[in-house]
N, C-alpha and C. Protein backbone atom coordinates (compact mmCIF):
# COMPACT_ATOMS: atom_id res chain seq x y z
N MET A 1 28.79 -13.33 -12.09
CA MET A 1 29.01 -14.73 -12.54
C MET A 1 29.96 -14.99 -13.99
N ILE A 2 29.60 -13.81 -14.61
CA ILE A 2 30.16 -13.75 -15.77
C ILE A 2 31.56 -13.56 -15.72
N ALA A 3 32.07 -12.80 -14.66
CA ALA A 3 33.31 -12.17 -14.53
C ALA A 3 33.97 -13.52 -13.43
N VAL A 4 33.28 -14.32 -12.96
CA VAL A 4 34.05 -15.43 -12.77
C VAL A 4 34.46 -16.40 -13.65
N LEU A 5 33.34 -16.79 -14.58
CA LEU A 5 33.56 -17.94 -15.59
C LEU A 5 34.62 -17.26 -16.36
N TYR A 6 35.03 -15.97 -16.43
CA TYR A 6 35.76 -15.57 -17.65
C TYR A 6 37.33 -15.44 -16.83
N CYS A 7 37.44 -15.46 -15.45
CA CYS A 7 38.65 -15.21 -14.78
C CYS A 7 39.18 -16.45 -14.61
N LEU A 8 37.87 -18.08 -14.80
CA LEU A 8 38.35 -19.12 -14.94
C LEU A 8 39.22 -19.80 -16.21
N THR A 9 38.27 -19.25 -17.04
CA THR A 9 38.84 -19.51 -18.47
C THR A 9 39.84 -18.91 -18.77
N GLY A 10 40.39 -17.59 -18.43
CA GLY A 10 41.64 -17.22 -18.50
C GLY A 10 42.91 -17.54 -17.43
N LEU A 11 42.56 -18.18 -16.62
CA LEU A 11 43.47 -19.42 -16.01
C LEU A 11 43.88 -20.47 -16.62
N LEU A 12 43.08 -20.70 -17.67
CA LEU A 12 43.37 -22.11 -18.25
C LEU A 12 44.21 -21.44 -19.38
N LEU A 13 44.27 -20.40 -19.89
CA LEU A 13 44.81 -19.46 -20.87
C LEU A 13 45.64 -18.75 -20.39
N GLU A 14 46.55 -19.13 -19.36
CA GLU A 14 47.00 -18.06 -18.45
C GLU A 14 48.47 -17.59 -19.52
N THR A 15 49.03 -18.45 -20.02
CA THR A 15 50.12 -18.32 -20.88
C THR A 15 50.12 -17.11 -22.03
N THR A 16 48.55 -17.63 -22.18
CA THR A 16 48.42 -16.26 -23.34
C THR A 16 47.55 -14.72 -22.76
N GLY A 17 47.96 -14.95 -21.24
CA GLY A 17 47.63 -13.11 -20.54
C GLY A 17 46.15 -12.72 -20.98
N LEU A 18 44.89 -13.46 -21.40
CA LEU A 18 43.66 -13.38 -21.25
C LEU A 18 42.75 -12.59 -20.03
N CYS A 19 43.20 -13.10 -18.88
CA CYS A 19 42.39 -13.02 -17.79
C CYS A 19 42.78 -11.69 -17.40
N ALA A 20 41.53 -10.99 -17.11
CA ALA A 20 41.94 -9.44 -16.81
C ALA A 20 41.53 -9.67 -15.12
N GLU A 21 42.42 -8.66 -14.26
CA GLU A 21 41.97 -8.84 -12.68
C GLU A 21 40.62 -8.06 -13.14
N ILE A 22 39.74 -8.27 -12.16
CA ILE A 22 38.48 -7.53 -12.20
C ILE A 22 38.38 -7.04 -10.79
N SER A 23 38.15 -5.88 -10.57
CA SER A 23 37.94 -5.45 -9.16
C SER A 23 36.89 -5.79 -8.19
N SER A 24 36.49 -5.53 -7.28
CA SER A 24 35.01 -5.82 -6.70
C SER A 24 34.27 -4.32 -7.22
N GLU A 25 34.82 -3.54 -7.14
CA GLU A 25 34.13 -2.27 -7.63
C GLU A 25 33.26 -2.61 -9.14
N GLN A 26 34.06 -3.03 -9.49
CA GLN A 26 33.57 -3.18 -11.12
C GLN A 26 32.11 -4.22 -10.75
N MET A 27 32.18 -5.80 -9.90
CA MET A 27 31.33 -6.49 -10.32
C MET A 27 29.74 -5.68 -9.34
N SER A 28 30.54 -5.03 -8.47
CA SER A 28 28.97 -4.61 -7.86
C SER A 28 28.42 -3.40 -8.46
N GLU A 29 29.63 -2.97 -9.47
CA GLU A 29 28.40 -1.56 -10.10
C GLU A 29 27.59 -2.75 -11.26
N SER A 30 27.99 -4.08 -11.90
CA SER A 30 27.08 -4.62 -12.70
C SER A 30 25.72 -4.99 -12.12
N THR A 31 26.03 -5.40 -10.74
CA THR A 31 24.84 -5.84 -9.94
C THR A 31 24.16 -4.53 -9.25
N PRO A 32 22.48 -4.27 -10.15
CA PRO A 32 21.81 -3.15 -9.55
C PRO A 32 20.87 -3.94 -8.34
N ILE A 33 20.93 -2.56 -7.23
CA ILE A 33 20.28 -2.79 -6.25
C ILE A 33 18.81 -3.02 -6.41
N LEU A 34 18.02 -3.94 -6.40
CA LEU A 34 16.77 -3.92 -6.69
C LEU A 34 15.65 -3.81 -5.93
N PHE A 35 15.56 -3.44 -4.18
CA PHE A 35 14.99 -2.80 -3.04
C PHE A 35 15.57 -1.82 -2.93
N PRO A 36 14.58 -0.68 -2.87
CA PRO A 36 14.81 0.65 -2.20
C PRO A 36 15.13 0.24 -0.48
N SER A 37 15.82 1.21 -0.28
CA SER A 37 16.22 0.60 1.12
C SER A 37 15.26 1.39 2.14
N SER A 38 14.31 1.90 2.33
CA SER A 38 12.80 2.10 3.02
C SER A 38 11.23 1.48 2.81
N TYR A 39 10.97 0.89 3.54
CA TYR A 39 9.66 0.68 3.22
C TYR A 39 8.65 0.76 4.53
N PHE A 40 7.41 1.62 4.28
CA PHE A 40 6.22 1.20 5.35
C PHE A 40 5.47 0.47 5.08
N GLY A 41 4.84 -0.41 5.72
CA GLY A 41 4.17 -1.50 5.54
C GLY A 41 2.71 -1.67 6.16
N ILE A 42 1.93 -1.88 5.85
CA ILE A 42 0.62 -2.25 6.02
C ILE A 42 0.69 -3.91 6.63
N LEU A 43 -0.23 -4.54 7.44
CA LEU A 43 0.01 -5.44 7.53
C LEU A 43 -1.69 -6.33 8.18
N LEU A 44 -1.55 -7.71 7.48
CA LEU A 44 -2.63 -8.35 8.35
C LEU A 44 -2.10 -9.58 8.76
N ASN A 45 -2.67 -9.84 9.96
CA ASN A 45 -2.06 -11.77 10.52
C ASN A 45 -3.20 -12.82 11.03
N GLN A 46 -2.84 -13.68 11.11
CA GLN A 46 -3.73 -15.01 12.01
C GLN A 46 -3.09 -15.52 12.65
N ASN A 47 -3.48 -15.50 13.84
CA ASN A 47 -2.67 -16.44 14.79
C ASN A 47 -3.23 -17.47 15.53
N HIS A 48 -2.95 -19.02 15.20
CA HIS A 48 -3.47 -20.12 15.75
C HIS A 48 -2.07 -20.35 17.30
N PRO A 49 -2.70 -20.86 17.91
CA PRO A 49 -2.03 -22.06 19.18
C PRO A 49 -1.30 -23.15 19.00
N TYR A 50 -0.52 -23.11 19.27
CA TYR A 50 0.53 -24.42 19.12
C TYR A 50 1.30 -25.02 20.56
N SER A 51 1.04 -25.94 20.07
CA SER A 51 1.96 -27.34 21.38
C SER A 51 0.86 -26.73 22.75
N TYR A 52 1.73 -26.18 23.90
CA TYR A 52 1.03 -26.33 25.24
C TYR A 52 -0.06 -24.77 24.86
N GLY A 53 0.73 -24.20 23.83
CA GLY A 53 -0.65 -23.16 23.35
C GLY A 53 -2.18 -23.48 23.70
N GLN A 54 -2.04 -25.24 23.19
CA GLN A 54 -3.60 -24.99 22.68
C GLN A 54 -4.61 -25.85 23.86
N SER A 55 -3.64 -25.46 25.26
CA SER A 55 -4.55 -25.89 26.26
C SER A 55 -4.67 -24.58 27.04
N GLU A 56 -4.65 -23.26 26.44
CA GLU A 56 -4.96 -22.17 26.96
C GLU A 56 -5.87 -21.39 25.90
N TYR A 57 -5.93 -21.57 24.79
CA TYR A 57 -6.45 -20.87 23.79
C TYR A 57 -6.79 -21.39 22.70
N THR A 58 -7.72 -21.11 21.83
CA THR A 58 -8.17 -21.44 20.47
C THR A 58 -7.86 -20.40 19.31
N SER A 59 -7.97 -20.15 18.35
CA SER A 59 -7.16 -19.40 17.34
C SER A 59 -8.26 -18.31 17.25
N GLY A 60 -8.02 -16.75 16.82
CA GLY A 60 -8.47 -15.95 17.01
C GLY A 60 -8.74 -15.38 15.44
N GLY A 61 -9.26 -14.45 15.59
CA GLY A 61 -9.68 -13.75 14.12
C GLY A 61 -8.78 -13.01 13.45
N LEU A 62 -8.69 -12.12 12.36
CA LEU A 62 -7.76 -11.34 11.79
C LEU A 62 -7.61 -10.06 12.58
N SER A 63 -6.12 -10.04 12.90
CA SER A 63 -5.74 -9.02 12.89
C SER A 63 -4.40 -7.87 12.41
N TRP A 64 -4.43 -6.53 12.47
CA TRP A 64 -3.77 -6.04 11.85
C TRP A 64 -2.63 -5.22 12.52
N GLY A 65 -1.47 -4.73 11.58
CA GLY A 65 -0.48 -3.60 12.13
C GLY A 65 -0.13 -3.00 11.00
N ALA A 66 1.29 -2.18 11.80
CA ALA A 66 2.52 -1.84 10.24
C ALA A 66 3.47 -2.03 10.85
N GLU A 67 3.85 -1.68 10.00
CA GLU A 67 5.75 -1.90 10.06
C GLU A 67 6.55 -0.64 9.27
N TYR A 68 7.57 -0.74 9.86
CA TYR A 68 9.03 0.01 9.17
C TYR A 68 9.84 -1.09 8.54
N ARG A 69 10.29 -1.35 7.37
CA ARG A 69 11.12 -2.43 6.95
C ARG A 69 12.24 -1.52 6.38
N PHE A 70 13.68 -1.90 6.53
CA PHE A 70 14.69 -1.92 5.87
C PHE A 70 15.40 -2.76 4.87
N PHE A 71 15.92 -2.85 4.06
CA PHE A 71 16.56 -3.93 3.28
C PHE A 71 18.00 -3.12 3.21
N TYR A 72 18.91 -4.15 3.56
CA TYR A 72 20.09 -3.64 2.94
C TYR A 72 20.78 -4.53 2.11
N LYS A 73 21.47 -3.66 0.40
CA LYS A 73 22.18 -4.42 -0.13
C LYS A 73 21.30 -5.81 -0.78
N ASP A 74 19.92 -5.95 -0.64
CA ASP A 74 19.21 -6.95 -1.16
C ASP A 74 19.75 -8.51 -0.35
N ASN A 75 20.30 -8.28 0.54
CA ASN A 75 20.71 -9.79 1.54
C ASN A 75 19.48 -9.45 2.64
N TRP A 76 19.60 -8.59 3.03
CA TRP A 76 18.85 -8.65 4.34
C TRP A 76 18.04 -7.62 4.21
N THR A 77 16.94 -7.90 5.55
CA THR A 77 16.03 -6.89 5.82
C THR A 77 15.44 -7.34 7.60
N LEU A 78 15.01 -5.72 8.09
CA LEU A 78 15.24 -5.61 8.87
C LEU A 78 13.65 -5.17 9.23
N ALA A 79 13.24 -5.17 10.31
CA ALA A 79 11.88 -4.33 10.72
C ALA A 79 11.49 -4.07 11.64
N ILE A 80 10.85 -3.07 12.11
CA ILE A 80 10.63 -3.20 13.64
C ILE A 80 8.88 -2.77 13.50
N SER A 81 7.88 -3.75 13.90
CA SER A 81 6.71 -3.57 13.87
C SER A 81 5.58 -3.48 14.79
N GLY A 82 4.36 -2.86 14.81
CA GLY A 82 3.42 -3.17 15.86
C GLY A 82 2.09 -3.56 15.16
N SER A 83 1.65 -4.74 15.97
CA SER A 83 0.57 -5.36 15.79
C SER A 83 -0.13 -6.61 16.75
N PHE A 84 -1.21 -6.61 16.75
CA PHE A 84 -2.09 -6.84 17.65
C PHE A 84 -1.90 -8.26 17.01
N LYS A 85 -2.54 -9.42 18.39
CA LYS A 85 -2.60 -10.87 18.24
C LYS A 85 -3.40 -11.45 18.91
N GLN A 86 -4.50 -11.57 17.79
CA GLN A 86 -5.63 -12.08 18.57
C GLN A 86 -5.90 -13.38 18.72
N LEU A 87 -6.06 -13.99 20.02
CA LEU A 87 -6.27 -15.25 20.18
C LEU A 87 -7.55 -15.51 20.87
N HIS A 88 -8.04 -16.38 21.75
CA HIS A 88 -9.54 -16.69 22.58
C HIS A 88 -8.94 -17.62 23.24
N ASP A 89 -9.52 -17.48 24.77
CA ASP A 89 -9.37 -18.52 25.50
C ASP A 89 -10.28 -19.46 25.50
N LEU A 90 -10.06 -20.47 26.41
CA LEU A 90 -10.89 -21.68 26.09
C LEU A 90 -12.53 -21.53 26.37
N GLN A 91 -12.50 -20.05 27.03
CA GLN A 91 -14.20 -19.68 27.03
C GLN A 91 -14.62 -19.31 25.67
N LEU A 92 -13.93 -19.10 24.84
CA LEU A 92 -14.04 -18.14 23.81
C LEU A 92 -14.16 -16.54 23.87
N LYS A 93 -13.17 -16.49 25.16
CA LYS A 93 -13.26 -15.06 25.60
C LYS A 93 -12.07 -14.32 24.74
N SER A 94 -11.85 -13.40 24.08
CA SER A 94 -10.95 -12.40 23.28
C SER A 94 -10.32 -12.01 24.57
N SER A 95 -8.58 -12.57 23.80
CA SER A 95 -7.72 -12.47 25.03
C SER A 95 -6.81 -11.88 24.13
N PRO A 96 -6.63 -10.39 23.18
CA PRO A 96 -5.75 -10.09 22.26
C PRO A 96 -4.31 -9.38 22.83
N ASN A 97 -3.55 -9.32 22.06
CA ASN A 97 -2.02 -8.56 22.31
C ASN A 97 -1.52 -7.96 21.73
N PHE A 98 -1.10 -6.77 21.66
CA PHE A 98 -0.46 -5.75 21.06
C PHE A 98 1.21 -6.05 21.68
N ALA A 99 1.74 -6.60 20.12
CA ALA A 99 2.84 -7.20 20.03
C ALA A 99 4.14 -5.92 19.05
N LEU A 100 5.30 -5.05 20.18
CA LEU A 100 5.84 -4.77 19.57
C LEU A 100 7.30 -5.60 18.87
N SER A 101 7.58 -5.76 17.77
CA SER A 101 8.17 -6.70 17.01
C SER A 101 9.86 -6.11 16.20
N GLN A 102 10.73 -6.95 16.87
CA GLN A 102 12.10 -6.58 15.64
C GLN A 102 12.41 -7.82 14.78
N GLU A 103 12.98 -7.61 14.09
CA GLU A 103 12.83 -9.01 12.79
C GLU A 103 13.91 -8.87 11.98
N THR A 104 14.91 -9.50 12.09
CA THR A 104 15.99 -9.79 10.89
C THR A 104 16.02 -10.74 9.83
N LEU A 105 15.70 -10.47 8.85
CA LEU A 105 15.86 -11.93 7.87
C LEU A 105 16.80 -11.83 6.97
N ARG A 106 17.51 -13.09 6.54
CA ARG A 106 18.53 -13.17 5.45
C ARG A 106 17.32 -13.31 3.97
N LEU A 107 17.79 -12.61 3.12
CA LEU A 107 17.10 -12.86 1.73
C LEU A 107 17.77 -13.32 0.65
N VAL A 108 17.18 -14.15 0.36
CA VAL A 108 17.64 -15.29 -1.10
C VAL A 108 16.94 -15.09 -2.11
N ARG A 109 17.61 -15.15 -3.48
CA ARG A 109 16.94 -14.57 -4.45
C ARG A 109 16.47 -16.06 -5.64
N LEU A 110 15.28 -16.36 -5.29
CA LEU A 110 14.66 -17.22 -5.56
C LEU A 110 14.34 -17.27 -7.28
N TYR A 111 13.63 -16.43 -7.75
CA TYR A 111 13.45 -15.76 -9.60
C TYR A 111 13.29 -14.82 -9.05
N HIS A 112 13.65 -13.62 -9.78
CA HIS A 112 13.37 -12.28 -9.71
C HIS A 112 12.07 -11.79 -10.51
N PRO A 113 11.02 -11.39 -9.53
CA PRO A 113 10.70 -10.88 -8.68
C PRO A 113 10.50 -11.69 -7.36
N TRP A 114 10.63 -12.78 -7.57
CA TRP A 114 10.11 -13.49 -6.25
C TRP A 114 11.62 -14.18 -4.96
N TYR A 115 11.64 -13.72 -3.64
CA TYR A 115 12.18 -13.98 -2.86
C TYR A 115 12.26 -14.84 -1.72
N PHE A 116 12.97 -15.46 -0.99
CA PHE A 116 12.82 -16.23 -0.17
C PHE A 116 13.70 -15.27 1.47
N ALA A 117 13.08 -15.34 2.00
CA ALA A 117 13.52 -14.62 3.55
C ALA A 117 13.66 -15.86 4.70
N ALA A 118 14.70 -15.47 5.44
CA ALA A 118 14.06 -16.49 6.75
C ALA A 118 15.54 -15.95 8.08
N GLY A 119 14.85 -15.88 9.21
CA GLY A 119 15.73 -15.18 10.29
C GLY A 119 14.92 -15.73 11.64
N ALA A 120 14.62 -14.41 12.05
CA ALA A 120 14.08 -14.37 13.88
C ALA A 120 13.72 -13.02 14.13
N ARG A 121 12.99 -13.01 15.30
CA ARG A 121 12.28 -12.39 15.94
C ARG A 121 12.14 -11.55 17.25
N LEU A 122 11.95 -10.82 17.97
CA LEU A 122 12.07 -10.43 18.97
C LEU A 122 10.78 -10.05 19.55
N GLN A 123 10.04 -10.19 20.14
CA GLN A 123 8.87 -9.28 20.71
C GLN A 123 8.45 -9.25 22.14
N TYR A 124 7.61 -7.95 22.25
CA TYR A 124 7.24 -7.47 23.29
C TYR A 124 5.66 -7.61 23.59
N PHE A 125 4.92 -8.36 24.34
CA PHE A 125 3.45 -8.46 24.02
C PHE A 125 3.08 -7.65 25.41
N VAL A 126 1.76 -6.80 25.10
CA VAL A 126 0.99 -6.16 25.65
C VAL A 126 -0.17 -6.72 26.01
N PRO A 127 -0.89 -7.17 27.11
CA PRO A 127 -2.20 -7.85 26.77
C PRO A 127 -3.50 -6.13 26.81
N VAL A 128 -4.31 -6.68 25.78
CA VAL A 128 -5.39 -5.40 25.58
C VAL A 128 -6.59 -6.13 25.76
N ARG A 129 -7.69 -4.79 26.15
CA ARG A 129 -8.95 -5.55 25.98
C ARG A 129 -9.54 -5.81 24.88
N ARG A 130 -8.75 -4.41 23.64
CA ARG A 130 -9.81 -5.24 22.49
C ARG A 130 -9.14 -4.18 21.29
N ILE A 131 -8.86 -4.86 19.96
CA ILE A 131 -7.74 -4.46 19.31
C ILE A 131 -8.67 -3.24 18.50
N MET A 132 -7.72 -1.72 18.93
CA MET A 132 -7.96 -0.71 18.53
C MET A 132 -7.04 -0.15 18.99
N LEU A 133 -6.46 1.45 18.07
CA LEU A 133 -5.87 2.53 19.02
C LEU A 133 -6.51 3.26 18.85
N PRO A 134 -6.49 4.17 20.18
CA PRO A 134 -4.91 3.52 21.24
C PRO A 134 -5.71 2.55 22.45
N TYR A 135 -5.07 1.59 22.12
CA TYR A 135 -5.38 0.44 23.32
C TYR A 135 -5.33 0.97 24.56
N GLU A 136 -5.99 -0.18 25.44
CA GLU A 136 -6.16 0.42 26.46
C GLU A 136 -5.90 -1.66 27.32
N ARG A 137 -4.89 -1.16 27.85
CA ARG A 137 -4.02 -2.50 28.96
C ARG A 137 -4.86 -2.85 29.30
N ASP A 138 -4.71 -4.43 29.25
CA ASP A 138 -5.71 -5.17 30.16
C ASP A 138 -5.08 -5.80 31.65
N GLN A 139 -5.18 -4.90 32.69
CA GLN A 139 -4.25 -5.14 33.66
C GLN A 139 -4.49 -6.67 34.27
N THR A 140 -5.33 -7.67 34.18
CA THR A 140 -5.38 -8.64 34.46
C THR A 140 -4.52 -9.54 33.68
N ARG A 141 -3.76 -9.46 32.98
CA ARG A 141 -2.82 -10.29 32.10
C ARG A 141 -1.28 -9.20 32.34
N ALA A 142 -0.05 -10.27 32.21
CA ALA A 142 0.86 -9.82 32.61
C ALA A 142 1.44 -9.59 31.68
N ILE A 143 2.65 -8.65 31.38
CA ILE A 143 2.87 -8.07 29.86
C ILE A 143 4.29 -9.23 29.92
N ASP A 144 4.91 -9.50 28.39
CA ASP A 144 5.52 -10.78 28.31
C ASP A 144 6.45 -10.50 27.63
N ASN A 145 7.66 -10.97 27.30
CA ASN A 145 8.67 -10.81 25.98
C ASN A 145 8.47 -12.39 25.36
N GLY A 146 8.52 -12.32 24.00
CA GLY A 146 8.59 -13.24 23.20
C GLY A 146 10.38 -13.43 22.03
N ALA A 147 9.88 -14.63 21.63
CA ALA A 147 10.65 -14.81 20.34
C ALA A 147 10.18 -15.90 19.46
N ALA A 148 10.38 -15.51 17.97
CA ALA A 148 10.26 -16.22 17.28
C ALA A 148 10.70 -16.92 16.11
N ILE A 149 10.91 -17.42 14.83
CA ILE A 149 11.76 -17.97 14.29
C ILE A 149 10.78 -17.90 12.87
N SER A 150 10.89 -16.82 11.82
CA SER A 150 10.32 -16.47 10.86
C SER A 150 11.08 -16.61 9.47
N MET A 151 9.71 -17.18 8.46
CA MET A 151 10.07 -17.39 7.26
C MET A 151 9.17 -16.34 6.09
N ALA A 152 9.43 -16.69 4.71
CA ALA A 152 8.89 -15.18 4.11
C ALA A 152 9.30 -15.63 2.56
N ALA A 153 8.11 -15.79 1.94
CA ALA A 153 7.98 -15.42 0.38
C ALA A 153 7.88 -13.83 0.37
N ILE A 154 8.64 -13.06 -0.43
CA ILE A 154 8.79 -11.62 -0.58
C ILE A 154 8.48 -11.77 -2.53
N TRP A 155 7.82 -10.81 -2.75
CA TRP A 155 7.40 -10.84 -4.00
C TRP A 155 7.53 -9.06 -4.49
N LYS A 156 8.38 -9.03 -5.10
CA LYS A 156 8.55 -7.18 -5.35
C LYS A 156 7.66 -7.09 -6.84
N SER A 157 6.50 -6.71 -6.23
CA SER A 157 5.60 -6.01 -7.09
C SER A 157 6.02 -5.19 -8.09
N SER A 158 6.45 -3.97 -7.97
CA SER A 158 6.77 -2.81 -8.86
C SER A 158 7.64 -2.16 -8.17
N LYS A 159 7.99 -1.30 -9.02
CA LYS A 159 9.64 -0.10 -8.60
C LYS A 159 9.51 -0.11 -7.08
N ASN A 160 8.07 0.44 -6.36
CA ASN A 160 7.94 1.18 -5.44
C ASN A 160 7.13 0.54 -4.29
N THR A 161 6.47 -0.81 -4.65
CA THR A 161 5.93 -1.84 -4.31
C THR A 161 6.59 -3.23 -3.74
N ALA A 162 6.09 -3.82 -2.97
CA ALA A 162 6.69 -5.22 -2.72
C ALA A 162 5.09 -5.97 -1.53
N MET A 163 5.11 -7.25 -1.61
CA MET A 163 4.22 -7.96 -1.15
C MET A 163 5.09 -9.05 -0.11
N ILE A 164 4.78 -9.12 0.90
CA ILE A 164 5.55 -10.42 2.02
C ILE A 164 4.26 -11.17 2.71
N PHE A 165 4.62 -12.33 2.22
CA PHE A 165 4.21 -13.24 3.16
C PHE A 165 4.50 -14.23 4.03
N GLY A 166 4.37 -13.96 5.01
CA GLY A 166 5.10 -14.83 6.18
C GLY A 166 4.78 -15.95 7.23
N VAL A 167 5.23 -16.44 7.60
CA VAL A 167 4.57 -17.39 8.94
C VAL A 167 5.97 -17.56 9.93
N ASN A 168 5.84 -17.27 11.02
CA ASN A 168 6.14 -17.12 12.17
C ASN A 168 6.02 -18.21 12.99
N ARG A 169 7.04 -19.21 13.69
CA ARG A 169 6.77 -20.00 14.96
C ARG A 169 6.75 -18.94 16.34
N TRP A 170 6.08 -18.25 17.11
CA TRP A 170 6.67 -17.68 18.03
C TRP A 170 5.97 -18.37 19.56
N ARG A 171 6.71 -18.13 20.43
CA ARG A 171 6.53 -18.29 21.65
C ARG A 171 7.13 -17.37 23.11
N SER A 172 5.90 -17.55 24.11
CA SER A 172 6.63 -16.58 25.63
C SER A 172 8.24 -16.98 26.08
N LEU A 173 8.71 -16.34 26.39
CA LEU A 173 10.07 -16.31 27.04
C LEU A 173 9.71 -16.70 28.66
N SER A 174 8.82 -16.60 28.94
CA SER A 174 8.55 -16.77 30.55
C SER A 174 7.52 -18.51 30.76
N THR A 175 6.32 -18.48 29.35
CA THR A 175 5.83 -19.37 29.90
C THR A 175 5.49 -20.40 28.67
N SER A 176 5.49 -21.40 28.48
CA SER A 176 4.83 -22.25 27.78
C SER A 176 3.88 -22.41 27.11
N ARG A 177 2.89 -21.66 27.89
CA ARG A 177 1.53 -21.75 27.46
C ARG A 177 1.16 -20.50 26.77
N LYS A 178 1.90 -19.83 26.08
CA LYS A 178 1.70 -19.21 25.42
C LYS A 178 2.80 -19.00 24.24
N GLN A 179 2.34 -19.61 23.10
CA GLN A 179 3.13 -19.95 22.20
C GLN A 179 2.03 -20.28 20.67
N GLY A 180 2.50 -20.08 19.40
CA GLY A 180 1.63 -20.03 18.42
C GLY A 180 2.24 -19.95 17.19
N VAL A 181 1.55 -20.36 16.17
CA VAL A 181 1.84 -19.63 14.88
C VAL A 181 1.64 -18.63 14.10
N GLU A 182 1.76 -17.78 13.51
CA GLU A 182 0.93 -16.69 12.76
C GLU A 182 1.78 -16.85 11.38
N ILE A 183 0.24 -16.25 10.58
CA ILE A 183 0.21 -16.04 9.37
C ILE A 183 0.13 -14.80 9.03
N SER A 184 1.09 -14.43 8.21
CA SER A 184 0.78 -12.54 7.60
C SER A 184 0.89 -12.44 6.56
N ALA A 185 0.33 -11.51 6.10
CA ALA A 185 0.13 -10.71 4.48
C ALA A 185 0.93 -9.20 4.60
N SER A 186 1.68 -8.32 4.12
CA SER A 186 2.24 -6.83 4.58
C SER A 186 2.50 -6.54 2.87
N ALA A 187 1.68 -5.12 2.91
CA ALA A 187 1.82 -4.47 1.52
C ALA A 187 2.95 -3.53 1.84
N LEU A 188 3.87 -3.27 1.08
CA LEU A 188 5.22 -2.25 1.47
C LEU A 188 4.88 -1.29 0.70
N PHE A 189 5.47 0.11 1.25
CA PHE A 189 5.24 1.32 -0.20
C PHE A 189 6.85 1.71 0.25
N THR A 190 7.54 2.63 -0.60
CA THR A 190 8.59 2.75 -0.15
C THR A 190 8.49 4.21 0.17
N ILE A 191 9.42 4.56 1.21
CA ILE A 191 9.50 5.92 1.60
C ILE A 191 10.37 7.02 1.06
N GLN A 192 10.02 7.66 0.60
CA GLN A 192 10.81 8.64 -0.57
C GLN A 192 11.51 9.73 0.13
C-alpha cells in the first residue's frame, strides 16, 4: 500500500524523477505470510435440517471430526475432513452420516488476527449406525453425495494455532429431502 501511494505521488512529481520502480519481489518481501501452510484440526459440529429436510429430519446432537487444512499465501484455504453429521428422523431415531469433505475457501483479512472466508464444499455421505470409529455402515440407507456453500470466521490465536467458526448450507445432490445447515468450530494446530 505504501509502495502504491509512493508511486502515485511520484507520478505527480515525475519531472523531478522521484518515483522509483518497485518490483513485485520487493513488495512480497514486505508482506509476511501469517498462516503456516499445514494444519491438523479437531472439529465439533451441530446439524439442523433445512427446507424440505424438515419433512424427514429433526436436529441432532453434537458430532465431531478431524481435518487437514492447507493455507496458500494467506489468500486461500483448502481442507479435507472426515466428520459425523447427526440428525434424527421424525420418530426421533438417530440417523447419523459420516461425511468425507473437500472444502475451498477464499480468505479476506478483516483485522488481524480475524479473517473472513467464503467458498464451497463437496461431500460424500456414508450412513452409519452410530457415531464412533471404526464406523458400522447402515445398509438400510443409501450412500450419497452432497455440496455446500460455506462461510467462516478464522481467528489466528497464536503462531501455531488457529480457530475456525463456520456455517455451511449443505444438501444432497440426489434428493431434496436431505439438506441442512451445519454450525461448526475447529481447533487447528500446525504440522511441523
